[in-house]
Amino acid sequence: YPPLTDDQVLLLGETIGKKIPGHLTIFY
């Protein structure tokens, strides 16, 4: 699946109620 933007990574965190840590941000 195509990469996420910075805003989408923030939305990913909001979806699960957590801040996405750096290593996962790089992955996404």
PDB file of all heavy atoms in Angstrom:
ATOM      1  N   TYR A   1       0.833  -1.200   0.000  1.00  0.00           N
ATOM      2  CA  TYR A   1       0.000   0.000   0.000  1.00  0.00           C
ATOM      3  C   TYR A   1       0.870   1.253   0.000  1.00  0.00           C
ATOM      4  O   TYR A   1       1.941   1.264   0.596  1.00  0.00           O
ATOM      5  CB  TYR A   1      -0.957  -0.022   1.203  1.00  0.00           C
ATOM      6  CG  TYR A   1      -1.906  -1.188   1.100  1.00  0.00           C
ATOM      7  CD1 TYR A   1      -1.638  -2.394   1.738  1.00  0.00           C
ATOM      8  CD2 TYR A   1      -3.036  -1.104   0.302  1.00  0.00           C
ATOM      9  CE1 TYR A   1      -2.490  -3.481   1.604  1.00  0.00           C
ATOM     10  CE2 TYR A   1      -3.891  -2.192   0.156  1.00  0.00           C
ATOM     11  CZ  TYR A   1      -3.608  -3.363   0.807  1.00  0.00           C
ATOM     12  OH  TYR A   1      -4.444  -4.443   0.661  1.00  0.00           O
ATOM     13  N   PRO A   2       0.400   2.320  -0.673  1.00  0.00           N
ATOM     14  CA  PRO A   2       1.215   3.531  -0.799  1.00  0.00           C
ATOM     15  C   PRO A   2       1.466   4.203   0.549  1.00  0.00           C
ATOM     16  O   PRO A   2       0.678   4.042   1.491  1.00  0.00           O
ATOM     17  CB  PRO A   2       0.396   4.429  -1.731  1.00  0.00           C
ATOM     18  CG  PRO A   2      -0.988   3.919  -1.668  1.00  0.00           C
ATOM     19  CD  PRO A   2      -0.904   2.456  -1.314  1.00  0.00           C
ATOM     20  N   PRO A   3       2.552   4.946   0.648  1.00  0.00           N
ATOM     21  CA  PRO A   3       2.935   5.575   1.922  1.00  0.00           C
ATOM     22  C   PRO A   3       1.916   6.604   2.393  1.00  0.00           C
ATOM     23  O   PRO A   3       1.134   7.147   1.608  1.00  0.00           O
ATOM     24  CB  PRO A   3       4.275   6.233   1.604  1.00  0.00           C
ATOM     25  CG  PRO A   3       4.325   6.362   0.131  1.00  0.00           C
ATOM     26  CD  PRO A   3       3.466   5.282  -0.433  1.00  0.00           C
ATOM     27  N   LEU A   4       1.961   6.865   3.695  1.00  0.00           N
ATOM     28  CA  LEU A   4       1.105   7.884   4.297  1.00  0.00           C
ATOM     29  C   LEU A   4       1.825   9.224   4.346  1.00  0.00           C
ATOM     30  O   LEU A   4       3.052   9.280   4.437  1.00  0.00           O
ATOM     31  CB  LEU A   4       0.717   7.475   5.724  1.00  0.00           C
ATOM     32  CG  LEU A   4      -0.106   6.199   5.880  1.00  0.00           C
ATOM     33  CD1 LEU A   4      -0.387   5.934   7.362  1.00  0.00           C
ATOM     34  CD2 LEU A   4      -1.399   6.266   5.090  1.00  0.00           C
ATOM     35  N   THR A   5       1.059  10.286   4.326  1.00  0.00           N
ATOM     36  CA  THR A   5       1.596  11.634   4.527  1.00  0.00           C
ATOM     37  C   THR A   5       1.726  11.876   6.031  1.00  0.00           C
ATOM     38  O   THR A   5       1.219  11.093   6.846  1.00  0.00           O
ATOM     39  CB  THR A   5       0.644  12.683   3.937  1.00  0.00           C
ATOM     40  OG1 THR A   5      -0.595  12.634   4.677  1.00  0.00           O
ATOM     41  CG2 THR A   5       0.389  12.440   2.449  1.00  0.00           C
ATOM     42  N   ASP A   6       2.361  12.967   6.402  1.00  0.00           N
ATOM     43  CA  ASP A   6       2.466  13.321   7.821  1.00  0.00           C
ATOM     44  C   ASP A   6       1.087  13.439   8.465  1.00  0.00           C
ATOM     45  O   ASP A   6       0.869  12.941   9.570  1.00  0.00           O
ATOM     46  CB  ASP A   6       3.230  14.645   7.994  1.00  0.00           C
ATOM     47  CG  ASP A   6       4.714  14.513   7.679  1.00  0.00           C
ATOM     48  OD1 ASP A   6       5.265  13.410   7.817  1.00  0.00           O
ATOM     49  OD2 ASP A   6       5.322  15.529   7.292  1.00  0.00           O
ATOM     50  N   ASP A   7       0.154  14.101   7.774  1.00  0.00           N
ATOM     51  CA  ASP A   7      -1.197  14.259   8.309  1.00  0.00           C
ATOM     52  C   ASP A   7      -1.901  12.908   8.463  1.00  0.00           C
ATOM     53  O   ASP A   7      -2.636  12.690   9.421  1.00  0.00           O
ATOM     54  CB  ASP A   7      -2.032  15.180   7.413  1.00  0.00           C
ATOM     55  CG  ASP A   7      -1.614  16.644   7.522  1.00  0.00           C
ATOM     56  OD1 ASP A   7      -0.930  17.006   8.506  1.00  0.00           O
ATOM     57  OD2 ASP A   7      -1.977  17.421   6.623  1.00  0.00           O
ATOM     58  N   GLN A   8      -1.669  11.999   7.526  1.00  0.00           N
ATOM     59  CA  GLN A   8      -2.283  10.674   7.617  1.00  0.00           C
ATOM     60  C   GLN A   8      -1.685   9.856   8.753  1.00  0.00           C
ATOM     61  O   GLN A   8      -2.403   9.079   9.396  1.00  0.00           O
ATOM     62  CB  GLN A   8      -2.164   9.945   6.283  1.00  0.00           C
ATOM     63  CG  GLN A   8      -3.059  10.538   5.207  1.00  0.00           C
ATOM     64  CD  GLN A   8      -2.770   9.973   3.834  1.00  0.00           C
ATOM     65  OE1 GLN A   8      -1.634   9.630   3.498  1.00  0.00           O
ATOM     66  NE2 GLN A   8      -3.817   9.870   3.007  1.00  0.00           N
ATOM     67  N   VAL A   9      -0.394  10.022   9.035  1.00  0.00           N
ATOM     68  CA  VAL A   9       0.212   9.346  10.183  1.00  0.00           C
ATOM     69  C   VAL A   9      -0.427   9.858  11.473  1.00  0.00           C
ATOM     70  O   VAL A   9      -0.729   9.077  12.388  1.00  0.00           O
ATOM     71  CB  VAL A   9       1.746   9.511  10.207  1.00  0.00           C
ATOM     72  CG1 VAL A   9       2.336   8.991  11.510  1.00  0.00           C
ATOM     73  CG2 VAL A   9       2.386   8.798   9.017  1.00  0.00           C
ATOM     74  N   LEU A  10      -0.677  11.170  11.561  1.00  0.00           N
ATOM     75  CA  LEU A  10      -1.372  11.718  12.727  1.00  0.00           C
ATOM     76  C   LEU A  10      -2.778  11.128  12.847  1.00  0.00           C
ATOM     77  O   LEU A  10      -3.217  10.760  13.937  1.00  0.00           O
ATOM     78  CB  LEU A  10      -1.446  13.244  12.645  1.00  0.00           C
ATOM     79  CG  LEU A  10      -0.130  13.995  12.811  1.00  0.00           C
ATOM     80  CD1 LEU A  10      -0.314  15.485  12.532  1.00  0.00           C
ATOM     81  CD2 LEU A  10       0.461  13.775  14.190  1.00  0.00           C
ATOM     82  N   LEU A  11      -3.477  11.010  11.715  1.00  0.00           N
ATOM     83  CA  LEU A  11      -4.816  10.416  11.703  1.00  0.00           C
ATOM     84  C   LEU A  11      -4.774   8.947  12.115  1.00  0.00           C
ATOM     85  O   LEU A  11      -5.658   8.469  12.837  1.00  0.00           O
ATOM     86  CB  LEU A  11      -5.442  10.574  10.313  1.00  0.00           C
ATOM     87  CG  LEU A  11      -6.869  10.073  10.143  1.00  0.00           C
ATOM     88  CD1 LEU A  11      -7.823  10.746  11.122  1.00  0.00           C
ATOM     89  CD2 LEU A  11      -7.323  10.306   8.704  1.00  0.00           C
ATOM     90  N   LEU A  12      -3.733   8.235  11.701  1.00  0.00           N
ATOM     91  CA  LEU A  12      -3.546   6.842  12.103  1.00  0.00           C
ATOM     92  C   LEU A  12      -3.486   6.758  13.631  1.00  0.00           C
ATOM     93  O   LEU A  12      -4.133   5.910  14.246  1.00  0.00           O
ATOM     94  CB  LEU A  12      -2.272   6.282  11.471  1.00  0.00           C
ATOM     95  CG  LEU A  12      -1.951   4.813  11.722  1.00  0.00           C
ATOM     96  CD1 LEU A  12      -2.877   3.918  10.922  1.00  0.00           C
ATOM     97  CD2 LEU A  12      -0.505   4.517  11.342  1.00  0.00           C
ATOM     98  N   GLY A  13      -2.713   7.660  14.249  1.00  0.00           N
ATOM     99  CA  GLY A  13      -2.624   7.698  15.709  1.00  0.00           C
ATOM    100  C   GLY A  13      -3.951   8.037  16.361  1.00  0.00           C
ATOM    101  O   GLY A  13      -4.340   7.433  17.364  1.00  0.00           O
ATOM    102  N   GLU A  14      -4.677   9.002  15.788  1.00  0.00           N
ATOM    103  CA  GLU A  14      -5.992   9.366  16.325  1.00  0.00           C
ATOM    104  C   GLU A  14      -6.948   8.182  16.248  1.00  0.00           C
ATOM    105  O   GLU A  14      -7.775   7.986  17.145  1.00  0.00           O
ATOM    106  CB  GLU A  14      -6.567  10.559  15.551  1.00  0.00           C
ATOM    107  CG  GLU A  14      -5.830  11.860  15.801  1.00  0.00           C
ATOM    108  CD  GLU A  14      -6.282  12.982  14.870  1.00  0.00           C
ATOM    109  OE1 GLU A  14      -7.330  12.830  14.193  1.00  0.00           O
ATOM    110  OE2 GLU A  14      -5.583  14.002  14.815  1.00  0.00           O
ATOM    111  N   THR A  15      -6.826   7.384  15.197  1.00  0.00           N
ATOM    112  CA  THR A  15      -7.698   6.227  14.994  1.00  0.00           C
ATOM    113  C   THR A  15      -7.571   5.233  16.141  1.00  0.00           C
ATOM    114  O   THR A  15      -8.545   4.597  16.532  1.00  0.00           O
ATOM    115  CB  THR A  15      -7.360   5.541  13.649  1.00  0.00           C
ATOM    116  OG1 THR A  15      -7.547   6.485  12.601  1.00  0.00           O
ATOM    117  CG2 THR A  15      -8.211   4.329  13.390  1.00  0.00           C
ATOM    118  N   ILE A  16      -6.359   5.113  16.698  1.00  0.00           N
ATOM    119  CA  ILE A  16      -6.150   4.155  17.797  1.00  0.00           C
ATOM    120  C   ILE A  16      -5.956   4.839  19.152  1.00  0.00           C
ATOM    121  O   ILE A  16      -5.726   4.179  20.156  1.00  0.00           O
ATOM    122  CB  ILE A  16      -4.966   3.202  17.502  1.00  0.00           C
ATOM    123  CG1 ILE A  16      -3.642   3.958  17.355  1.00  0.00           C
ATOM    124  CG2 ILE A  16      -5.271   2.365  16.269  1.00  0.00           C
ATOM    125  CD1 ILE A  16      -2.424   3.057  17.305  1.00  0.00           C
ATOM    126  N   GLY A  17      -6.011   6.173  19.166  1.00  0.00           N
ATOM    127  CA  GLY A  17      -5.892   6.902  20.427  1.00  0.00           C
ATOM    128  C   GLY A  17      -4.495   6.931  20.996  1.00  0.00           C
ATOM    129  O   GLY A  17      -4.322   7.011  22.198  1.00  0.00           O
ATOM    130  N   LYS A  18      -3.486   6.875  20.118  1.00  0.00           N
ATOM    131  CA  LYS A  18      -2.086   6.890  20.568  1.00  0.00           C
ATOM    132  C   LYS A  18      -1.241   7.693  19.590  1.00  0.00           C
ATOM    133  O   LYS A  18      -1.552   7.748  18.404  1.00  0.00           O
ATOM    134  CB  LYS A  18      -1.518   5.477  20.645  1.00  0.00           C
ATOM    135  CG  LYS A  18      -2.254   4.583  21.605  1.00  0.00           C
ATOM    136  CD  LYS A  18      -1.592   3.242  21.733  1.00  0.00           C
ATOM    137  CE  LYS A  18      -2.342   2.317  22.648  1.00  0.00           C
ATOM    138  NZ  LYS A  18      -2.834   2.856  23.871  1.00  0.00           N
ATOM    139  N   LYS A  19      -0.159   8.258  20.089  1.00  0.00           N
ATOM    140  CA  LYS A  19       0.803   8.900  19.197  1.00  0.00           C
ATOM    141  C   LYS A  19       1.638   7.794  18.545  1.00  0.00           C
ATOM    142  O   LYS A  19       2.127   6.900  19.226  1.00  0.00           O
ATOM    143  CB  LYS A  19       1.712   9.847  19.978  1.00  0.00           C
ATOM    144  CG  LYS A  19       2.694  10.599  19.094  1.00  0.00           C
ATOM    145  CD  LYS A  19       3.564  11.536  19.912  1.00  0.00           C
ATOM    146  CE  LYS A  19       4.465  12.383  19.072  1.00  0.00           C
ATOM    147  NZ  LYS A  19       5.263  11.738  18.090  1.00  0.00           N
ATOM    148  N   ILE A  20       1.764   7.856  17.232  1.00  0.00           N
ATOM    149  CA  ILE A  20       2.547   6.849  16.524  1.00  0.00           C
ATOM    150  C   ILE A  20       4.032   7.137  16.783  1.00  0.00           C
ATOM    151  O   ILE A  20       4.513   8.228  16.482  1.00  0.00           O
ATOM    152  CB  ILE A  20       2.244   6.877  15.013  1.00  0.00           C
ATOM    153  CG1 ILE A  20       0.755   6.617  14.757  1.00  0.00           C
ATOM    154  CG2 ILE A  20       3.104   5.877  14.257  1.00  0.00           C
ATOM    155  CD1 ILE A  20       0.232   5.272  15.228  1.00  0.00           C
ATOM    156  N   PRO A  21       4.774   6.182  17.361  1.00  0.00           N
ATOM    157  CA  PRO A  21       6.189   6.414  17.666  1.00  0.00           C
ATOM    158  C   PRO A  21       7.030   6.538  16.395  1.00  0.00           C
ATOM    159  O   PRO A  21       6.620   6.120  15.308  1.00  0.00           O
ATOM    160  CB  PRO A  21       6.584   5.188  18.488  1.00  0.00           C
ATOM    161  CG  PRO A  21       5.559   4.150  18.207  1.00  0.00           C
ATOM    162  CD  PRO A  21       4.318   4.855  17.788  1.00  0.00           C
ATOM    163  N   GLY A  22       8.217   7.101  16.556  1.00  0.00           N
ATOM    164  CA  GLY A  22       9.103   7.396  15.433  1.00  0.00           C
ATOM    165  C   GLY A  22       9.379   6.231  14.512  1.00  0.00           C
ATOM    166  O   GLY A  22       9.343   6.373  13.285  1.00  0.00           O
ATOM    167  N   HIS A  23       9.671   5.061  15.075  1.00  0.00           N
ATOM    168  CA  HIS A  23      10.002   3.919  14.215  1.00  0.00           C
ATOM    169  C   HIS A  23       8.808   3.495  13.366  1.00  0.00           C
ATOM    170  O   HIS A  23       8.980   3.083  12.223  1.00  0.00           O
ATOM    171  CB  HIS A  23      10.574   2.747  15.026  1.00  0.00           C
ATOM    172  CG  HIS A  23       9.651   2.142  16.037  1.00  0.00           C
ATOM    173  ND1 HIS A  23       9.262   2.784  17.188  1.00  0.00           N
ATOM    174  CD2 HIS A  23       9.039   0.940  16.068  1.00  0.00           C
ATOM    175  CE1 HIS A  23       8.458   2.006  17.886  1.00  0.00           C
ATOM    176  NE2 HIS A  23       8.304   0.867  17.221  1.00  0.00           N
ATOM    177  N   LEU A  24       7.584   3.612  13.885  1.00  0.00           N
ATOM    178  CA  LEU A  24       6.407   3.292  13.082  1.00  0.00           C
ATOM    179  C   LEU A  24       6.101   4.396  12.074  1.00  0.00           C
ATOM    180  O   LEU A  24       5.645   4.118  10.967  1.00  0.00           O
ATOM    181  CB  LEU A  24       5.182   3.066  13.967  1.00  0.00           C
ATOM    182  CG  LEU A  24       5.077   1.739  14.691  1.00  0.00           C
ATOM    183  CD1 LEU A  24       3.748   1.623  15.406  1.00  0.00           C
ATOM    184  CD2 LEU A  24       5.286   0.569  13.764  1.00  0.00           C
ATOM    185  N   THR A  25       6.378   5.640  12.452  1.00  0.00           N
ATOM    186  CA  THR A  25       6.185   6.744  11.508  1.00  0.00           C
ATOM    187  C   THR A  25       7.048   6.532  10.276  1.00  0.00           C
ATOM    188  O   THR A  25       6.581   6.691   9.139  1.00  0.00           O
ATOM    189  CB  THR A  25       6.521   8.092  12.180  1.00  0.00           C
ATOM    190  OG1 THR A  25       5.592   8.312  13.247  1.00  0.00           O
ATOM    191  CG2 THR A  25       6.441   9.248  11.191  1.00  0.00           C
ATOM    192  N   ILE A  26       8.298   6.141  10.479  1.00  0.00           N
ATOM    193  CA  ILE A  26       9.192   5.876   9.345  1.00  0.00           C
ATOM    194  C   ILE A  26       8.615   4.762   8.480  1.00  0.00           C
ATOM    195  O   ILE A  26       8.586   4.860   7.254  1.00  0.00           O
ATOM    196  CB  ILE A  26      10.610   5.516   9.844  1.00  0.00           C
ATOM    197  CG1 ILE A  26      11.254   6.730  10.522  1.00  0.00           C
ATOM    198  CG2 ILE A  26      11.484   5.026   8.688  1.00  0.00           C
ATOM    199  CD1 ILE A  26      12.510   6.403  11.317  1.00  0.00           C
ATOM    200  N   PHE A  27       8.128   3.697   9.101  1.00  0.00           N
ATOM    201  CA  PHE A  27       7.529   2.594   8.359  1.00  0.00           C
ATOM    202  C   PHE A  27       6.355   3.090   7.520  1.00  0.00           C
ATOM    203  O   PHE A  27       6.272   2.823   6.317  1.00  0.00           O
ATOM    204  CB  PHE A  27       7.059   1.483   9.309  1.00  0.00           C
ATOM    205  CG  PHE A  27       6.275   0.409   8.615  1.00  0.00           C
ATOM    206  CD1 PHE A  27       6.916  -0.626   7.968  1.00  0.00           C
ATOM    207  CD2 PHE A  27       4.886   0.460   8.566  1.00  0.00           C
ATOM    208  CE1 PHE A  27       6.206  -1.604   7.290  1.00  0.00           C
ATOM    209  CE2 PHE A  27       4.162  -0.516   7.898  1.00  0.00           C
ATOM    210  CZ  PHE A  27       4.822  -1.546   7.253  1.00  0.00           C
ATOM    211  N   TYR A  28       5.415   3.800   8.156  1.00  0.00           N
ATOM    212  CA  TYR A  28       4.203   4.225   7.447  1.00  0.00           C
ATOM    213  C   TYR A  28       4.472   5.294   6.394  1.00  0.00           C
ATOM    214  O   TYR A  28       3.653   5.479   5.494  1.00  0.00           O
ATOM    215  CB  TYR A  28       3.120   4.659   8.440  1.00  0.00           C
ATOM    216  CG  TYR A  28       2.484   3.468   9.119  1.00  0.00           C
ATOM    217  CD1 TYR A  28       2.672   3.212  10.468  1.00  0.00           C
ATOM    218  CD2 TYR A  28       1.714   2.575   8.388  1.00  0.00           C
ATOM    219  CE1 TYR A  28       2.099   2.105  11.071  1.00  0.00           C
ATOM    220  CE2 TYR A  28       1.145   1.453   8.982  1.00  0.00           C
ATOM    221  CZ  TYR A  28       1.338   1.233  10.332  1.00  0.00           C
ATOM    222  OH  TYR A  28       0.777   0.119  10.916  1.00  0.00           O
TER     223      TYR A  28
END
